[in-house]
Amino acid sequence: MRKEDIKPIIVLQEIDQEISRINRRLGILAKEREELERKLESLEKELQTLLKEKEELEGKERVLKERIEEEEELLNRVEEKMYMVRKDIEYKTLLKEKSKHEDNVLKLSYELDEIREKIERLKEEIKDRVPKIEKDMKETKEELEDLIEEEKIAKNKLQELLKERKLREQEVDISLLKFYEEARQRFGENVIVSIEGGVCSGCGMKIPDVLFAKILKEDSIERCPNCGRYIYYRL
C-alpha cells in the first residue's frame, strides 16, 4: 500500500494523538486544580481559625471584666452595709459575704490576666502569620485562575479537534477506518508509525533489510513483522 493511499488515516491518527495528549493534560490539570483548591481551603481555614480564636478570647475578656465589675459592685454594697449593722452576728455574716466577693474578684482577675496574656500572644502570632497566609492565598488564587484558563483553552481545543475528527473520518475508506479503529484497541494511539534508525518506532524491532528496501523503493506502507503496525519511512 502506498503512503499516499493511507495518508487520511495518518492525519486521523495525528488528530487522535493530539486528542489523547489534551485529555492527559486535562487529567493533570484537574488534579492540580484539586490540590490548589485544597491548599486555598486550608489557608482560609487557618486564617479564620486565628481570627475566630482572637474573637473568642476577646469575648471571654469582656465577660470576665463584666463579672469582675459585678463582684466589685456587690463587694461595695456589702462594705456599705457593714458600716450600718449593729449586731455581731449580722457583721460576721456580711464579713463572710465580703470575703466571698473578694475571692471571686481575685479568681476572676487571675483568669482575666491569663486571657489577656493569651490575647497578646495570639496578636503576635496573627501579626506574623496573617500577612504570610494572605500572600499565599493571593498567589494560590492567581495560580488557580491561570490553571482554569488553561483548562478552558484545552477544552475548547478538544471540541475543535473532535469536530475535525468527525469530518476527517468521512475522507477515510470504510474498511480502512474499521481496521484503524480495531487496531487502536490493540496498539493505542500509535497504529501507523515511522521507521526510525531502521527500527519500528512502535515496538522497537529492527526492520528486515529486504522489507526496509521495499519501503524505500516503493515509498510504501507495510506491516511490521513483529507488532503488526503499519510502518513507513519518513524522510
Protein backbone atom coordinates (compact mmCIF):
# COMPACT_ATOMS: atom_id res chain seq x y z
CA MET A 1 0.00 0.00 0.00
CA ARG A 2 1.39 3.39 -0.98
CA LYS A 3 1.83 6.02 1.66
CA GLU A 4 -0.46 8.36 -0.29
CA ASP A 5 -3.33 5.84 0.00
CA ILE A 6 -3.22 5.80 3.77
CA LYS A 7 -2.50 9.50 4.28
CA PRO A 8 -6.09 10.22 5.56
CA ILE A 9 -5.54 7.64 8.30
CA ILE A 10 -2.21 9.24 9.24
CA VAL A 11 -3.98 12.60 9.53
CA LEU A 12 -6.74 10.99 11.60
CA GLN A 13 -4.16 9.36 13.84
CA GLU A 14 -2.38 12.68 14.39
CA ILE A 15 -5.71 14.20 15.44
CA ASP A 16 -6.32 11.27 17.81
CA GLN A 17 -2.84 11.65 19.26
CA GLU A 18 -3.49 15.33 19.91
CA ILE A 19 -6.87 14.49 21.46
CA SER A 20 -5.14 11.96 23.75
CA ARG A 21 -2.47 14.50 24.67
CA ILE A 22 -5.08 17.11 25.57
CA ASN A 23 -7.10 14.58 27.59
CA ARG A 24 -3.97 13.61 29.52
CA ARG A 25 -3.20 17.26 30.14
CA LEU A 26 -6.77 17.89 31.30
CA GLY A 27 -6.41 14.99 33.73
CA ILE A 28 -3.23 16.54 35.14
CA LEU A 29 -4.84 19.98 35.31
CA ALA A 30 -7.84 18.56 37.16
CA LYS A 31 -5.56 17.06 39.83
CA GLU A 32 -3.54 20.27 40.10
CA ARG A 33 -6.77 22.27 40.44
CA GLU A 34 -7.97 19.99 43.24
CA GLU A 35 -4.63 20.42 45.04
CA LEU A 36 -4.77 24.21 44.70
CA GLU A 37 -8.39 24.29 45.88
CA ARG A 38 -7.47 22.17 48.91
CA LYS A 39 -4.50 24.43 49.63
CA LEU A 40 -6.68 27.55 49.36
CA GLU A 41 -9.32 25.99 51.59
CA SER A 42 -6.65 25.09 54.15
CA LEU A 43 -5.22 28.63 54.14
CA GLU A 44 -8.67 30.16 54.51
CA LYS A 45 -9.42 27.78 57.36
CA GLU A 46 -6.15 28.66 59.11
CA LEU A 47 -6.88 32.38 58.75
CA GLN A 48 -10.43 32.02 60.02
CA THR A 49 -9.24 29.87 62.95
CA LEU A 50 -6.78 32.55 64.07
CA LEU A 51 -9.34 35.35 63.78
CA LYS A 52 -12.06 33.28 65.44
CA GLU A 53 -9.76 32.36 68.32
CA LYS A 54 -8.94 36.06 68.84
CA GLU A 55 -12.63 36.94 68.75
CA GLU A 56 -13.47 34.22 71.28
CA LEU A 57 -10.69 35.29 73.65
CA GLU A 58 -11.77 38.92 73.43
CA GLY A 59 -15.32 37.79 74.17
CA LYS A 60 -14.11 35.95 77.26
CA GLU A 61 -12.15 39.04 78.26
CA ARG A 62 -15.32 41.18 78.07
CA VAL A 63 -17.33 38.65 80.10
CA LEU A 64 -14.65 38.46 82.80
CA LYS A 65 -14.41 42.24 83.05
CA GLU A 66 -18.19 42.46 83.43
CA ARG A 67 -18.18 39.75 86.11
CA ILE A 68 -15.39 41.48 87.99
CA GLU A 69 -17.32 44.74 87.86
CA GLU A 70 -20.41 42.95 89.17
CA GLU A 71 -18.46 41.34 92.01
CA GLU A 72 -16.83 44.68 92.90
CA GLU A 73 -20.24 46.33 92.94
CA LEU A 74 -21.57 43.63 95.27
CA LEU A 75 -18.47 43.99 97.40
CA ASN A 76 -19.03 47.74 97.73
CA ARG A 77 -22.62 47.18 98.78
CA VAL A 78 -21.55 44.68 101.44
CA GLU A 79 -18.94 47.10 102.78
CA GLU A 80 -21.57 49.85 102.96
CA LYS A 81 -23.88 47.54 104.92
CA MET A 82 -21.05 46.66 107.32
CA TYR A 83 -20.86 50.26 108.47
CA MET A 84 -24.55 50.22 109.26
CA VAL A 85 -25.00 46.95 111.15
CA ARG A 86 -25.17 46.88 114.96
CA LYS A 87 -25.20 43.20 115.77
CA ASP A 88 -22.14 40.99 115.70
CA ILE A 89 -23.97 38.14 114.01
CA GLU A 90 -25.01 40.38 111.12
CA TYR A 91 -21.48 41.76 110.90
CA LYS A 92 -19.98 38.27 110.75
CA THR A 93 -22.46 37.27 108.02
CA LEU A 94 -21.52 40.32 105.98
CA LEU A 95 -17.84 39.63 106.61
CA LYS A 96 -18.20 36.16 105.10
CA GLU A 97 -20.07 37.61 102.15
CA LYS A 98 -17.35 40.22 101.70
CA SER A 99 -14.66 37.52 101.77
CA LYS A 100 -16.58 35.53 99.16
CA HIS A 101 -16.77 38.51 96.78
CA GLU A 102 -13.10 39.32 97.36
CA ASP A 103 -12.17 35.73 96.50
CA ASN A 104 -14.33 35.91 93.39
CA VAL A 105 -12.70 39.16 92.30
CA LEU A 106 -9.25 37.66 92.85
CA LYS A 107 -10.08 34.48 90.99
CA LEU A 108 -11.69 36.34 88.07
CA SER A 109 -8.79 38.79 87.92
CA TYR A 110 -6.36 35.87 87.68
CA GLU A 111 -8.42 34.37 84.85
CA LEU A 112 -8.56 37.78 83.15
CA ASP A 113 -4.75 38.10 83.31
CA GLU A 114 -4.39 34.66 81.70
CA ILE A 115 -6.83 35.56 78.94
CA ARG A 116 -5.05 38.85 78.26
CA GLU A 117 -1.70 37.04 78.02
CA LYS A 118 -3.21 34.64 75.52
CA ILE A 119 -4.64 37.53 73.52
CA GLU A 120 -1.25 39.26 73.39
CA ARG A 121 0.50 36.05 72.27
CA LEU A 122 -2.18 35.49 69.66
CA LYS A 123 -1.89 39.06 68.40
CA GLU A 124 1.84 38.48 67.86
CA GLU A 125 1.11 35.25 66.02
CA ILE A 126 -1.52 36.98 63.88
CA LYS A 127 0.87 39.84 63.16
CA ASP A 128 3.48 37.36 61.94
CA ARG A 129 1.28 34.72 60.30
CA VAL A 130 -1.63 36.56 58.67
CA PRO A 131 0.45 38.51 56.08
CA LYS A 132 2.08 35.23 55.03
CA ILE A 133 -1.29 33.47 54.79
CA GLU A 134 -2.76 36.33 52.75
CA LYS A 135 0.30 36.29 50.44
CA ASP A 136 -0.03 32.52 49.96
CA MET A 137 -3.76 32.88 49.32
CA LYS A 138 -3.18 35.59 46.69
CA GLU A 139 -0.54 33.50 44.89
CA THR A 140 -2.69 30.35 45.08
CA LYS A 141 -5.72 32.19 43.67
CA GLU A 142 -3.59 33.51 40.80
CA GLU A 143 -2.29 30.00 40.07
CA LEU A 144 -5.83 28.68 40.18
CA GLU A 145 -7.07 31.35 37.78
CA ASP A 146 -4.24 30.59 35.32
CA LEU A 147 -4.95 26.87 35.57
CA ILE A 148 -8.69 27.35 35.00
CA GLU A 149 -7.90 29.49 31.94
CA GLU A 150 -5.58 26.77 30.60
CA GLU A 151 -8.34 24.19 31.19
CA LYS A 152 -10.80 26.37 29.29
CA ILE A 153 -8.43 26.74 26.32
CA ALA A 154 -7.69 22.99 26.31
CA LYS A 155 -11.39 22.08 26.39
CA ASN A 156 -12.14 24.46 23.52
CA LYS A 157 -9.26 22.96 21.51
CA LEU A 158 -10.55 19.47 22.31
CA GLN A 159 -14.01 20.33 20.96
CA GLU A 160 -12.44 21.70 17.78
CA LEU A 161 -10.41 18.52 17.30
CA LEU A 162 -13.44 16.29 17.85
CA LYS A 163 -15.33 18.21 15.17
CA GLU A 164 -12.37 17.99 12.81
CA ARG A 165 -12.03 14.26 13.50
CA LYS A 166 -15.65 13.70 12.51
CA LEU A 167 -15.00 15.49 9.21
CA ARG A 168 -11.76 13.59 8.56
CA GLU A 169 -13.48 10.24 9.17
CA GLN A 170 -15.53 10.87 6.06
CA GLU A 171 -12.34 11.02 3.96
CA VAL A 172 -11.25 7.54 5.03
CA ASP A 173 -12.27 4.31 3.29
CA ILE A 174 -14.75 2.41 5.47
CA SER A 175 -12.72 -0.82 5.57
CA LEU A 176 -9.53 1.09 6.37
CA LEU A 177 -11.31 3.06 9.08
CA LYS A 178 -12.61 -0.18 10.58
CA PHE A 179 -9.08 -1.61 10.63
CA TYR A 180 -7.75 1.57 12.21
CA GLU A 181 -10.37 1.60 14.98
CA GLU A 182 -9.78 -2.09 15.74
CA ALA A 183 -6.01 -1.58 15.71
CA ARG A 184 -6.37 1.33 18.14
CA GLN A 185 -7.90 -1.07 20.66
CA ARG A 186 -4.75 -3.15 20.43
CA PHE A 187 -1.99 -0.61 19.87
CA GLY A 188 -3.40 2.53 21.43
CA GLU A 189 -2.79 5.80 19.64
CA ASN A 190 0.19 4.56 17.57
CA VAL A 191 -1.27 2.39 14.82
CA ILE A 192 0.75 3.78 11.91
CA VAL A 193 4.34 4.52 12.90
CA SER A 194 7.51 5.65 11.21
CA ILE A 195 10.74 3.74 10.85
CA GLU A 196 13.42 5.44 12.94
CA GLY A 197 17.02 4.33 12.60
CA GLY A 198 15.95 1.18 10.83
CA VAL A 199 13.60 0.04 13.61
CA CYS A 200 9.82 0.15 14.10
CA SER A 201 9.12 3.11 16.38
CA GLY A 202 6.09 1.24 17.69
CA CYS A 203 7.76 -1.90 19.09
CA GLY A 204 11.48 -1.24 18.63
CA MET A 205 12.17 -4.23 16.38
CA LYS A 206 14.76 -3.87 13.59
CA ILE A 207 13.04 -3.97 10.21
CA PRO A 208 14.40 -6.75 7.95
CA ASP A 209 16.65 -5.35 5.22
CA VAL A 210 14.52 -6.71 2.36
CA LEU A 211 11.34 -5.15 3.77
CA PHE A 212 13.09 -1.88 4.50
CA ALA A 213 14.48 -1.75 0.96
CA LYS A 214 10.97 -2.32 -0.45
CA ILE A 215 9.54 0.51 1.65
CA LEU A 216 12.28 2.86 0.49
CA LYS A 217 11.99 1.87 -3.18
CA GLU A 218 8.20 1.93 -3.46
CA ASP A 219 7.52 4.60 -0.81
CA SER A 220 5.02 2.12 0.53
CA ILE A 221 3.41 1.32 3.85
CA GLU A 222 3.87 -2.23 5.12
CA ARG A 223 3.11 -4.21 8.28
CA CYS A 224 5.75 -4.63 10.96
CA PRO A 225 6.58 -8.37 11.12
CA ASN A 226 6.75 -8.16 14.92
CA CYS A 227 3.87 -5.99 16.16
CA GLY A 228 1.62 -5.75 13.11
CA ARG A 229 1.52 -1.97 12.99
CA TYR A 230 1.64 -0.16 9.67
CA ILE A 231 5.13 1.22 9.16
CA TYR A 232 6.51 3.78 6.74
CA TYR A 233 9.74 5.64 6.19
CA ARG A 234 9.63 9.36 6.85
CA LEU A 235 12.40 11.49 5.36
